[in-house]
Full PDB file with SEQRES, HELIX, SHEET, SSBOND, CRYST1, ORIGX, SCALE, CONECT and MASTER records, all heavy atoms in Angstrom:
SEQRES   1 A   40  GLY LEU VAL ASP ARG ILE ARG ASN ARG MET PRO ASP ILE          
SEQRES   2 A   40  ALA LEU SER THR ASP ILE ILE VAL GLY PHE PRO GLY GLU          
SEQRES   3 A   40  THR GLU GLU ASP PHE GLU GLN THR LEU SER LEU ALA GLU          
SEQRES   4 A   40  THR                                                          
HELIX    1 AA1 LEU A    2  ARG A    9  1                                   8    
HELIX    2 AA2 GLU A   28  GLU A   39  1                                  12    
CRYST1    1.000    1.000    1.000  90.00  90.00  90.00 P 1           1          
ORIGX1      1.000000  0.000000  0.000000        0.00000                         
ORIGX2      0.000000  1.000000  0.000000        0.00000                         
ORIGX3      0.000000  0.000000  1.000000        0.00000                         
SCALE1      1.000000  0.000000  0.000000        0.00000                         
SCALE2      0.000000  1.000000  0.000000        0.00000                         
SCALE3      0.000000  0.000000  1.000000        0.00000                         
ATOM      1  N   GLY A   1      48.975 137.575 122.945  1.00  0.00           N  
ATOM      2  CA  GLY A   1      48.214 136.547 123.649  1.00  0.00           C  
ATOM      3  C   GLY A   1      48.546 135.155 123.137  1.00  0.00           C  
ATOM      4  O   GLY A   1      48.624 134.195 123.914  1.00  0.00           O  
ATOM      5  N   LEU A   2      48.739 135.055 121.819  1.00  0.00           N  
ATOM      6  CA  LEU A   2      49.105 133.772 121.218  1.00  0.00           C  
ATOM      7  C   LEU A   2      50.477 133.313 121.708  1.00  0.00           C  
ATOM      8  O   LEU A   2      50.671 132.132 122.039  1.00  0.00           O  
ATOM      9  CB  LEU A   2      49.097 133.914 119.695  1.00  0.00           C  
ATOM     10  CG  LEU A   2      49.328 132.656 118.867  1.00  0.00           C  
ATOM     11  CD1 LEU A   2      48.275 131.599 119.170  1.00  0.00           C  
ATOM     12  CD2 LEU A   2      49.313 133.011 117.376  1.00  0.00           C  
ATOM     13  N   VAL A   3      51.426 134.238 121.775  1.00  0.00           N  
ATOM     14  CA  VAL A   3      52.757 133.905 122.287  1.00  0.00           C  
ATOM     15  C   VAL A   3      52.659 133.395 123.721  1.00  0.00           C  
ATOM     16  O   VAL A   3      53.314 132.409 124.095  1.00  0.00           O  
ATOM     17  CB  VAL A   3      53.694 135.132 122.197  1.00  0.00           C  
ATOM     18  CG1 VAL A   3      54.982 134.899 122.988  1.00  0.00           C  
ATOM     19  CG2 VAL A   3      54.029 135.442 120.744  1.00  0.00           C  
ATOM     20  N   ASP A   4      51.821 134.028 124.530  1.00  0.00           N  
ATOM     21  CA  ASP A   4      51.645 133.577 125.914  1.00  0.00           C  
ATOM     22  C   ASP A   4      51.103 132.150 125.966  1.00  0.00           C  
ATOM     23  O   ASP A   4      51.561 131.328 126.778  1.00  0.00           O  
ATOM     24  CB  ASP A   4      50.688 134.507 126.667  1.00  0.00           C  
ATOM     25  CG  ASP A   4      51.332 135.837 127.030  1.00  0.00           C  
ATOM     26  OD1 ASP A   4      52.573 135.925 127.000  1.00  0.00           O  
ATOM     27  OD2 ASP A   4      50.587 136.789 127.340  1.00  0.00           O  
ATOM     28  N   ARG A   5      50.137 131.840 125.090  1.00  0.00           N  
ATOM     29  CA  ARG A   5      49.556 130.483 125.078  1.00  0.00           C  
ATOM     30  C   ARG A   5      50.583 129.449 124.639  1.00  0.00           C  
ATOM     31  O   ARG A   5      50.634 128.337 125.186  1.00  0.00           O  
ATOM     32  CB  ARG A   5      48.324 130.445 124.163  1.00  0.00           C  
ATOM     33  CG  ARG A   5      47.130 131.203 124.718  1.00  0.00           C  
ATOM     34  CD  ARG A   5      45.856 130.894 123.960  1.00  0.00           C  
ATOM     35  NE  ARG A   5      45.867 131.410 122.595  1.00  0.00           N  
ATOM     36  CZ  ARG A   5      45.553 132.667 122.268  1.00  0.00           C  
ATOM     37  NH1 ARG A   5      45.246 133.542 123.213  1.00  0.00           N  
ATOM     38  NH2 ARG A   5      45.569 133.055 121.016  1.00  0.00           N  
ATOM     39  N   ILE A   6      51.388 129.799 123.655  1.00  0.00           N  
ATOM     40  CA  ILE A   6      52.428 128.883 123.175  1.00  0.00           C  
ATOM     41  C   ILE A   6      53.433 128.605 124.288  1.00  0.00           C  
ATOM     42  O   ILE A   6      53.790 127.455 124.559  1.00  0.00           O  
ATOM     43  CB  ILE A   6      53.141 129.479 121.943  1.00  0.00           C  
ATOM     44  CG1 ILE A   6      52.181 129.554 120.752  1.00  0.00           C  
ATOM     45  CG2 ILE A   6      54.379 128.660 121.583  1.00  0.00           C  
ATOM     46  CD1 ILE A   6      52.671 130.450 119.630  1.00  0.00           C  
ATOM     47  N   ARG A   7      53.885 129.652 124.942  1.00  0.00           N  
ATOM     48  CA  ARG A   7      54.904 129.480 125.982  1.00  0.00           C  
ATOM     49  C   ARG A   7      54.335 128.828 127.241  1.00  0.00           C  
ATOM     50  O   ARG A   7      55.083 128.216 128.007  1.00  0.00           O  
ATOM     51  CB  ARG A   7      55.548 130.828 126.294  1.00  0.00           C  
ATOM     52  CG  ARG A   7      56.519 131.248 125.184  1.00  0.00           C  
ATOM     53  CD  ARG A   7      57.300 132.471 125.543  1.00  0.00           C  
ATOM     54  NE  ARG A   7      58.411 132.657 124.589  1.00  0.00           N  
ATOM     55  CZ  ARG A   7      58.869 133.832 124.195  1.00  0.00           C  
ATOM     56  NH1 ARG A   7      58.331 134.944 124.683  1.00  0.00           N  
ATOM     57  NH2 ARG A   7      59.865 133.912 123.347  1.00  0.00           N  
ATOM     58  N   ASN A   8      53.039 128.933 127.438  1.00  0.00           N  
ATOM     59  CA  ASN A   8      52.426 128.221 128.552  1.00  0.00           C  
ATOM     60  C   ASN A   8      52.537 126.712 128.363  1.00  0.00           C  
ATOM     61  O   ASN A   8      52.721 125.962 129.325  1.00  0.00           O  
ATOM     62  CB  ASN A   8      50.956 128.631 128.683  1.00  0.00           C  
ATOM     63  CG  ASN A   8      50.282 127.979 129.876  1.00  0.00           C  
ATOM     64  OD1 ASN A   8      50.743 128.096 131.007  1.00  0.00           O  
ATOM     65  ND2 ASN A   8      49.193 127.274 129.624  1.00  0.00           N  
ATOM     66  N   ARG A   9      52.429 126.252 127.094  1.00  0.00           N  
ATOM     67  CA  ARG A   9      52.535 124.830 126.775  1.00  0.00           C  
ATOM     68  C   ARG A   9      53.969 124.392 126.536  1.00  0.00           C  
ATOM     69  O   ARG A   9      54.321 123.253 126.810  1.00  0.00           O  
ATOM     70  CB  ARG A   9      51.689 124.503 125.534  1.00  0.00           C  
ATOM     71  CG  ARG A   9      50.213 124.609 125.714  1.00  0.00           C  
ATOM     72  CD  ARG A   9      49.675 123.528 126.677  1.00  0.00           C  
ATOM     73  NE  ARG A   9      49.343 122.304 125.966  1.00  0.00           N  
ATOM     74  CZ  ARG A   9      49.858 121.116 126.226  1.00  0.00           C  
ATOM     75  NH1 ARG A   9      50.754 120.966 127.169  1.00  0.00           N  
ATOM     76  NH2 ARG A   9      49.485 120.054 125.554  1.00  0.00           N  
ATOM     77  N   MET A  10      54.795 125.284 126.010  1.00  0.00           N  
ATOM     78  CA  MET A  10      56.183 124.956 125.658  1.00  0.00           C  
ATOM     79  C   MET A  10      57.082 126.093 126.127  1.00  0.00           C  
ATOM     80  O   MET A  10      57.495 126.943 125.339  1.00  0.00           O  
ATOM     81  CB  MET A  10      56.308 124.751 124.140  1.00  0.00           C  
ATOM     82  CG  MET A  10      55.550 123.548 123.611  1.00  0.00           C  
ATOM     83  SD  MET A  10      55.335 123.595 121.797  1.00  0.00           S  
ATOM     84  CE  MET A  10      53.976 124.772 121.659  1.00  0.00           C  
ATOM     85  N   PRO A  11      57.399 126.143 127.415  1.00  0.00           N  
ATOM     86  CA  PRO A  11      58.109 127.294 127.991  1.00  0.00           C  
ATOM     87  C   PRO A  11      59.456 127.600 127.348  1.00  0.00           C  
ATOM     88  O   PRO A  11      59.865 128.763 127.292  1.00  0.00           O  
ATOM     89  CB  PRO A  11      58.283 126.900 129.464  1.00  0.00           C  
ATOM     90  CG  PRO A  11      57.194 125.914 129.726  1.00  0.00           C  
ATOM     91  CD  PRO A  11      57.029 125.150 128.447  1.00  0.00           C  
ATOM     92  N   ASP A  12      60.141 126.597 126.830  1.00  0.00           N  
ATOM     93  CA  ASP A  12      61.497 126.795 126.316  1.00  0.00           C  
ATOM     94  C   ASP A  12      61.538 126.921 124.804  1.00  0.00           C  
ATOM     95  O   ASP A  12      62.609 126.898 124.200  1.00  0.00           O  
ATOM     96  CB  ASP A  12      62.396 125.640 126.770  1.00  0.00           C  
ATOM     97  CG  ASP A  12      63.876 126.007 126.696  1.00  0.00           C  
ATOM     98  OD1 ASP A  12      64.222 127.165 127.009  1.00  0.00           O  
ATOM     99  OD2 ASP A  12      64.681 125.138 126.309  1.00  0.00           O  
ATOM    100  N   ILE A  13      60.387 127.064 124.156  1.00  0.00           N  
ATOM    101  CA  ILE A  13      60.345 127.080 122.694  1.00  0.00           C  
ATOM    102  C   ILE A  13      61.143 128.252 122.132  1.00  0.00           C  
ATOM    103  O   ILE A  13      61.177 129.344 122.713  1.00  0.00           O  
ATOM    104  CB  ILE A  13      58.883 127.132 122.197  1.00  0.00           C  
ATOM    105  CG1 ILE A  13      58.825 126.843 120.687  1.00  0.00           C  
ATOM    106  CG2 ILE A  13      58.230 128.473 122.537  1.00  0.00           C  
ATOM    107  CD1 ILE A  13      57.419 126.577 120.182  1.00  0.00           C  
ATOM    108  N   ALA A  14      61.812 128.024 121.010  1.00  0.00           N  
ATOM    109  CA  ALA A  14      62.548 129.074 120.301  1.00  0.00           C  
ATOM    110  C   ALA A  14      61.610 129.696 119.271  1.00  0.00           C  
ATOM    111  O   ALA A  14      61.212 129.029 118.308  1.00  0.00           O  
ATOM    112  CB  ALA A  14      63.779 128.494 119.618  1.00  0.00           C  
ATOM    113  N   LEU A  15      61.254 130.948 119.464  1.00  0.00           N  
ATOM    114  CA  LEU A  15      60.365 131.641 118.545  1.00  0.00           C  
ATOM    115  C   LEU A  15      61.177 132.476 117.565  1.00  0.00           C  
ATOM    116  O   LEU A  15      62.083 133.209 117.967  1.00  0.00           O  
ATOM    117  CB  LEU A  15      59.395 132.540 119.299  1.00  0.00           C  
ATOM    118  CG  LEU A  15      58.327 131.863 120.150  1.00  0.00           C  
ATOM    119  CD1 LEU A  15      57.501 132.904 120.893  1.00  0.00           C  
ATOM    120  CD2 LEU A  15      57.415 130.975 119.297  1.00  0.00           C  
ATOM    121  N   SER A  16      60.828 132.360 116.289  1.00  0.00           N  
ATOM    122  CA  SER A  16      61.413 133.227 115.271  1.00  0.00           C  
ATOM    123  C   SER A  16      60.290 133.940 114.545  1.00  0.00           C  
ATOM    124  O   SER A  16      59.111 133.590 114.678  1.00  0.00           O  
ATOM    125  CB  SER A  16      62.270 132.413 114.296  1.00  0.00           C  
ATOM    126  OG  SER A  16      61.502 131.424 113.639  1.00  0.00           O  
ATOM    127  N   THR A  17      60.646 134.950 113.760  1.00  0.00           N  
ATOM    128  CA  THR A  17      59.610 135.764 113.129  1.00  0.00           C  
ATOM    129  C   THR A  17      60.138 136.461 111.887  1.00  0.00           C  
ATOM    130  O   THR A  17      61.337 136.430 111.605  1.00  0.00           O  
ATOM    131  CB  THR A  17      59.071 136.812 114.131  1.00  0.00           C  
ATOM    132  OG1 THR A  17      57.810 137.303 113.687  1.00  0.00           O  
ATOM    133  CG2 THR A  17      60.034 137.978 114.310  1.00  0.00           C  
ATOM    134  N   ASP A  18      59.227 137.085 111.143  1.00  0.00           N  
ATOM    135  CA  ASP A  18      59.553 138.019 110.065  1.00  0.00           C  
ATOM    136  C   ASP A  18      59.028 139.386 110.478  1.00  0.00           C  
ATOM    137  O   ASP A  18      57.917 139.499 111.020  1.00  0.00           O  
ATOM    138  CB  ASP A  18      58.856 137.642 108.748  1.00  0.00           C  
ATOM    139  CG  ASP A  18      59.319 136.324 108.174  1.00  0.00           C  
ATOM    140  OD1 ASP A  18      60.473 135.938 108.439  1.00  0.00           O  
ATOM    141  OD2 ASP A  18      58.528 135.686 107.458  1.00  0.00           O  
ATOM    142  N   ILE A  19      59.809 140.425 110.215  1.00  0.00           N  
ATOM    143  CA  ILE A  19      59.379 141.789 110.498  1.00  0.00           C  
ATOM    144  C   ILE A  19      59.735 142.677 109.314  1.00  0.00           C  
ATOM    145  O   ILE A  19      60.866 142.644 108.818  1.00  0.00           O  
ATOM    146  CB  ILE A  19      60.036 142.356 111.774  1.00  0.00           C  
ATOM    147  CG1 ILE A  19      59.692 141.496 112.989  1.00  0.00           C  
ATOM    148  CG2 ILE A  19      59.588 143.803 112.011  1.00  0.00           C  
ATOM    149  CD1 ILE A  19      60.411 141.916 114.264  1.00  0.00           C  
ATOM    150  N   ILE A  20      58.763 143.464 108.859  1.00  0.00           N  
ATOM    151  CA  ILE A  20      58.974 144.431 107.779  1.00  0.00           C  
ATOM    152  C   ILE A  20      59.096 145.819 108.402  1.00  0.00           C  
ATOM    153  O   ILE A  20      58.225 146.245 109.165  1.00  0.00           O  
ATOM    154  CB  ILE A  20      57.812 144.418 106.772  1.00  0.00           C  
ATOM    155  CG1 ILE A  20      57.695 143.043 106.106  1.00  0.00           C  
ATOM    156  CG2 ILE A  20      58.004 145.513 105.723  1.00  0.00           C  
ATOM    157  CD1 ILE A  20      56.457 142.898 105.228  1.00  0.00           C  
ATOM    158  N   VAL A  21      60.156 146.528 108.073  1.00  0.00           N  
ATOM    159  CA  VAL A  21      60.342 147.907 108.497  1.00  0.00           C  
ATOM    160  C   VAL A  21      60.105 148.816 107.293  1.00  0.00           C  
ATOM    161  O   VAL A  21      60.570 148.532 106.192  1.00  0.00           O  
ATOM    162  CB  VAL A  21      61.769 148.127 109.054  1.00  0.00           C  
ATOM    163  CG1 VAL A  21      61.992 149.589 109.417  1.00  0.00           C  
ATOM    164  CG2 VAL A  21      62.012 147.233 110.256  1.00  0.00           C  
ATOM    165  N   GLY A  22      59.368 149.902 107.498  1.00  0.00           N  
ATOM    166  CA  GLY A  22      59.164 150.862 106.425  1.00  0.00           C  
ATOM    167  C   GLY A  22      57.964 150.590 105.559  1.00  0.00           C  
ATOM    168  O   GLY A  22      57.894 151.075 104.412  1.00  0.00           O  
ATOM    169  N   PHE A  23      56.976 149.818 106.074  1.00  0.00           N  
ATOM    170  CA  PHE A  23      55.730 149.657 105.320  1.00  0.00           C  
ATOM    171  C   PHE A  23      55.147 151.048 105.081  1.00  0.00           C  
ATOM    172  O   PHE A  23      55.221 151.916 105.957  1.00  0.00           O  
ATOM    173  CB  PHE A  23      54.748 148.779 106.102  1.00  0.00           C  
ATOM    174  CG  PHE A  23      53.486 148.457 105.352  1.00  0.00           C  
ATOM    175  CD1 PHE A  23      53.464 147.419 104.442  1.00  0.00           C  
ATOM    176  CD2 PHE A  23      52.336 149.205 105.551  1.00  0.00           C  
ATOM    177  CE1 PHE A  23      52.304 147.116 103.731  1.00  0.00           C  
ATOM    178  CE2 PHE A  23      51.168 148.920 104.842  1.00  0.00           C  
ATOM    179  CZ  PHE A  23      51.160 147.871 103.934  1.00  0.00           C  
ATOM    180  N   PRO A  24      54.564 151.292 103.899  1.00  0.00           N  
ATOM    181  CA  PRO A  24      54.078 152.640 103.578  1.00  0.00           C  
ATOM    182  C   PRO A  24      53.177 153.225 104.666  1.00  0.00           C  
ATOM    183  O   PRO A  24      52.208 152.604 105.087  1.00  0.00           O  
ATOM    184  CB  PRO A  24      53.293 152.413 102.281  1.00  0.00           C  
ATOM    185  CG  PRO A  24      53.958 151.246 101.644  1.00  0.00           C  
ATOM    186  CD  PRO A  24      54.365 150.352 102.789  1.00  0.00           C  
ATOM    187  N   GLY A  25      53.548 154.431 105.115  1.00  0.00           N  
ATOM    188  CA  GLY A  25      52.763 155.118 106.136  1.00  0.00           C  
ATOM    189  C   GLY A  25      53.185 154.810 107.551  1.00  0.00           C  
ATOM    190  O   GLY A  25      52.621 155.377 108.504  1.00  0.00           O  
ATOM    191  N   GLU A  26      54.181 153.921 107.737  1.00  0.00           N  
ATOM    192  CA  GLU A  26      54.633 153.604 109.089  1.00  0.00           C  
ATOM    193  C   GLU A  26      55.237 154.855 109.737  1.00  0.00           C  
ATOM    194  O   GLU A  26      56.146 155.473 109.199  1.00  0.00           O  
ATOM    195  CB  GLU A  26      55.676 152.487 109.052  1.00  0.00           C  
ATOM    196  CG  GLU A  26      56.202 152.086 110.425  1.00  0.00           C  
ATOM    197  CD  GLU A  26      57.292 151.026 110.335  1.00  0.00           C  
ATOM    198  OE1 GLU A  26      58.372 151.341 109.770  1.00  0.00           O  
ATOM    199  OE2 GLU A  26      57.064 149.900 110.806  1.00  0.00           O  
ATOM    200  N   THR A  27      54.716 155.199 110.905  1.00  0.00           N  
ATOM    201  CA  THR A  27      55.219 156.352 111.643  1.00  0.00           C  
ATOM    202  C   THR A  27      56.227 155.902 112.688  1.00  0.00           C  
ATOM    203  O   THR A  27      56.392 154.706 112.932  1.00  0.00           O  
ATOM    204  CB  THR A  27      54.064 157.084 112.345  1.00  0.00           C  
ATOM    205  OG1 THR A  27      53.519 156.204 113.348  1.00  0.00           O  
ATOM    206  CG2 THR A  27      52.975 157.488 111.358  1.00  0.00           C  
ATOM    207  N   GLU A  28      56.858 156.871 113.330  1.00  0.00           N  
ATOM    208  CA  GLU A  28      57.774 156.545 114.423  1.00  0.00           C  
ATOM    209  C   GLU A  28      57.024 155.824 115.534  1.00  0.00           C  
ATOM    210  O   GLU A  28      57.543 154.872 116.127  1.00  0.00           O  
ATOM    211  CB  GLU A  28      58.436 157.812 114.963  1.00  0.00           C  
ATOM    212  CG  GLU A  28      59.354 157.593 116.152  1.00  0.00           C  
ATOM    213  CD  GLU A  28      60.563 156.714 115.860  1.00  0.00           C  
ATOM    214  OE1 GLU A  28      60.953 156.593 114.673  1.00  0.00           O  
ATOM    215  OE2 GLU A  28      61.125 156.139 116.813  1.00  0.00           O  
ATOM    216  N   GLU A  29      55.795 156.254 115.804  1.00  0.00           N  
ATOM    217  CA  GLU A  29      54.993 155.592 116.837  1.00  0.00           C  
ATOM    218  C   GLU A  29      54.707 154.142 116.458  1.00  0.00           C  
ATOM    219  O   GLU A  29      54.790 153.243 117.301  1.00  0.00           O  
ATOM    220  CB  GLU A  29      53.682 156.349 117.054  1.00  0.00           C  
ATOM    221  CG  GLU A  29      52.812 155.756 118.148  1.00  0.00           C  
ATOM    222  CD  GLU A  29      51.515 156.514 118.352  1.00  0.00           C  
ATOM    223  OE1 GLU A  29      51.328 157.558 117.701  1.00  0.00           O  
ATOM    224  OE2 GLU A  29      50.686 156.048 119.160  1.00  0.00           O  
ATOM    225  N   ASP A  30      54.373 153.903 115.183  1.00  0.00           N  
ATOM    226  CA  ASP A  30      54.138 152.528 114.717  1.00  0.00           C  
ATOM    227  C   ASP A  30      55.403 151.692 114.899  1.00  0.00           C  
ATOM    228  O   ASP A  30      55.346 150.548 115.371  1.00  0.00           O  
ATOM    229  CB  ASP A  30      53.741 152.514 113.238  1.00  0.00           C  
ATOM    230  CG  ASP A  30      52.371 153.112 112.982  1.00  0.00           C  
ATOM    231  OD1 ASP A  30      51.453 152.873 113.789  1.00  0.00           O  
ATOM    232  OD2 ASP A  30      52.228 153.837 111.977  1.00  0.00           O  
ATOM    233  N   PHE A  31      56.542 152.260 114.497  1.00  0.00           N  
ATOM    234  CA  PHE A  31      57.790 151.514 114.613  1.00  0.00           C  
ATOM    235  C   PHE A  31      58.126 151.224 116.070  1.00  0.00           C  
ATOM    236  O   PHE A  31      58.603 150.133 116.393  1.00  0.00           O  
ATOM    237  CB  PHE A  31      58.942 152.274 113.951  1.00  0.00           C  
ATOM    238  CG  PHE A  31      60.258 151.589 114.156  1.00  0.00           C  
ATOM    239  CD1 PHE A  31      60.553 150.407 113.494  1.00  0.00           C  
ATOM    240  CD2 PHE A  31      61.185 152.091 115.067  1.00  0.00           C  
ATOM    241  CE1 PHE A  31      61.755 149.744 113.708  1.00  0.00           C  
ATOM    242  CE2 PHE A  31      62.389 151.440 115.291  1.00  0.00           C  
ATOM    243  CZ  PHE A  31      62.676 150.268 114.609  1.00  0.00           C  
ATOM    244  N   GLU A  32      57.881 152.177 116.950  1.00  0.00           N  
ATOM    245  CA  GLU A  32      58.136 151.950 118.376  1.00  0.00           C  
ATOM    246  C   GLU A  32      57.303 150.785 118.891  1.00  0.00           C  
ATOM    247  O   GLU A  32      57.739 150.036 119.769  1.00  0.00           O  
ATOM    248  CB  GLU A  32      57.842 153.217 119.180  1.00  0.00           C  
ATOM    249  CG  GLU A  32      58.835 154.351 118.954  1.00  0.00           C  
ATOM    250  CD  GLU A  32      60.152 154.138 119.678  1.00  0.00           C  
ATOM    251  OE1 GLU A  32      60.253 153.174 120.452  1.00  0.00           O  
ATOM    252  OE2 GLU A  32      61.080 154.935 119.451  1.00  0.00           O  
ATOM    253  N   GLN A  33      56.117 150.605 118.341  1.00  0.00           N  
ATOM    254  CA  GLN A  33      55.281 149.471 118.719  1.00  0.00           C  
ATOM    255  C   GLN A  33      55.929 148.158 118.281  1.00  0.00           C  
ATOM    256  O   GLN A  33      55.899 147.156 119.008  1.00  0.00           O  
ATOM    257  CB  GLN A  33      53.887 149.604 118.094  1.00  0.00           C  
ATOM    258  CG  GLN A  33      53.038 150.706 118.684  1.00  0.00           C  
ATOM    259  CD  GLN A  33      52.480 150.306 120.040  1.00  0.00           C  
ATOM    260  OE1 GLN A  33      51.702 149.359 120.152  1.00  0.00           O  
ATOM    261  NE2 GLN A  33      52.895 151.021 121.078  1.00  0.00           N  
ATOM    262  N   THR A  34      56.526 148.159 117.097  1.00  0.00           N  
ATOM    263  CA  THR A  34      57.252 146.967 116.628  1.00  0.00           C  
ATOM    264  C   THR A  34      58.452 146.687 117.512  1.00  0.00           C  
ATOM    265  O   THR A  34      58.711 145.543 117.912  1.00  0.00           O  
ATOM    266  CB  THR A  34      57.705 147.164 115.170  1.00  0.00           C  
ATOM    267  OG1 THR A  34      56.545 147.278 114.330  1.00  0.00           O  
ATOM    268  CG2 THR A  34      58.548 146.001 114.687  1.00  0.00           C  
ATOM    269  N   LEU A  35      59.195 147.742 117.828  1.00  0.00           N  
ATOM    270  CA  LEU A  35      60.380 147.596 118.664  1.00  0.00           C  
ATOM    271  C   LEU A  35      60.014 147.035 120.036  1.00  0.00           C  
ATOM    272  O   LEU A  35      60.662 146.104 120.536  1.00  0.00           O  
ATOM    273  CB  LEU A  35      61.055 148.961 118.810  1.00  0.00           C  
ATOM    274  CG  LEU A  35      62.560 149.015 119.008  1.00  0.00           C  
ATOM    275  CD1 LEU A  35      63.292 148.354 117.844  1.00  0.00           C  
ATOM    276  CD2 LEU A  35      63.005 150.473 119.160  1.00  0.00           C  
ATOM    277  N   SER A  36      58.938 147.564 120.628  1.00  0.00           N  
ATOM    278  CA  SER A  36      58.561 147.096 121.965  1.00  0.00           C  
ATOM    279  C   SER A  36      58.006 145.681 121.928  1.00  0.00           C  
ATOM    280  O   SER A  36      58.201 144.903 122.872  1.00  0.00           O  
ATOM    281  CB  SER A  36      57.545 148.052 122.602  1.00  0.00           C  
ATOM    282  OG  SER A  36      56.305 148.018 121.946  1.00  0.00           O  
ATOM    283  N   LEU A  37      57.335 145.298 120.826  1.00  0.00           N  
ATOM    284  CA  LEU A  37      56.864 143.914 120.715  1.00  0.00           C  
ATOM    285  C   LEU A  37      58.053 142.958 120.652  1.00  0.00           C  
ATOM    286  O   LEU A  37      58.057 141.915 121.313  1.00  0.00           O  
ATOM    287  CB  LEU A  37      55.973 143.742 119.486  1.00  0.00           C  
ATOM    288  CG  LEU A  37      55.394 142.333 119.307  1.00  0.00           C  
ATOM    289  CD1 LEU A  37      53.925 142.373 118.882  1.00  0.00           C  
ATOM    290  CD2 LEU A  37      56.198 141.521 118.295  1.00  0.00           C  
ATOM    291  N   ALA A  38      59.074 143.322 119.866  1.00  0.00           N  
ATOM    292  CA  ALA A  38      60.266 142.464 119.780  1.00  0.00           C  
ATOM    293  C   ALA A  38      60.951 142.349 121.136  1.00  0.00           C  
ATOM    294  O   ALA A  38      61.438 141.276 121.509  1.00  0.00           O  
ATOM    295  CB  ALA A  38      61.234 143.015 118.735  1.00  0.00           C  
ATOM    296  N   GLU A  39      60.969 143.431 121.890  1.00  0.00           N  
ATOM    297  CA  GLU A  39      61.578 143.398 123.221  1.00  0.00           C  
ATOM    298  C   GLU A  39      60.748 142.554 124.179  1.00  0.00           C  
ATOM    299  O   GLU A  39      61.279 141.891 125.071  1.00  0.00           O  
ATOM    300  CB  GLU A  39      61.723 144.827 123.755  1.00  0.00           C  
ATOM    301  CG  GLU A  39      62.782 145.630 123.029  1.00  0.00           C  
ATOM    302  CD  GLU A  39      62.759 147.099 123.396  1.00  0.00           C  
ATOM    303  OE1 GLU A  39      61.701 147.590 123.850  1.00  0.00           O  
ATOM    304  OE2 GLU A  39      63.796 147.776 123.206  1.00  0.00           O  
ATOM    305  N   THR A  40      59.430 142.552 123.993  1.00  0.00           N  
ATOM    306  CA  THR A  40      58.534 141.778 124.858  1.00  0.00           C  
ATOM    307  C   THR A  40      58.612 140.289 124.549  1.00  0.00           C  
ATOM    308  O   THR A  40      58.738 139.454 125.450  1.00  0.00           O  
ATOM    309  CB  THR A  40      57.081 142.260 124.695  1.00  0.00           C  
ATOM    310  OG1 THR A  40      56.987 143.628 125.094  1.00  0.00           O  
ATOM    311  CG2 THR A  40      56.120 141.433 125.536  1.00  0.00           C  
TER     312      THR A  40                                                      
MASTER        0    0    0    2    0    0    0    6  311    1    0    4          
END                                                                             
């Protein structure tokens, strides 16, 4: 939702991020959620 609000005000903004893979207890389902967020 925050990304949507940012892009509503600044449509061409370049977004960067940090992502941790392998946090203790991360399952395949959890990782798929990370993957789909990055794709979104």
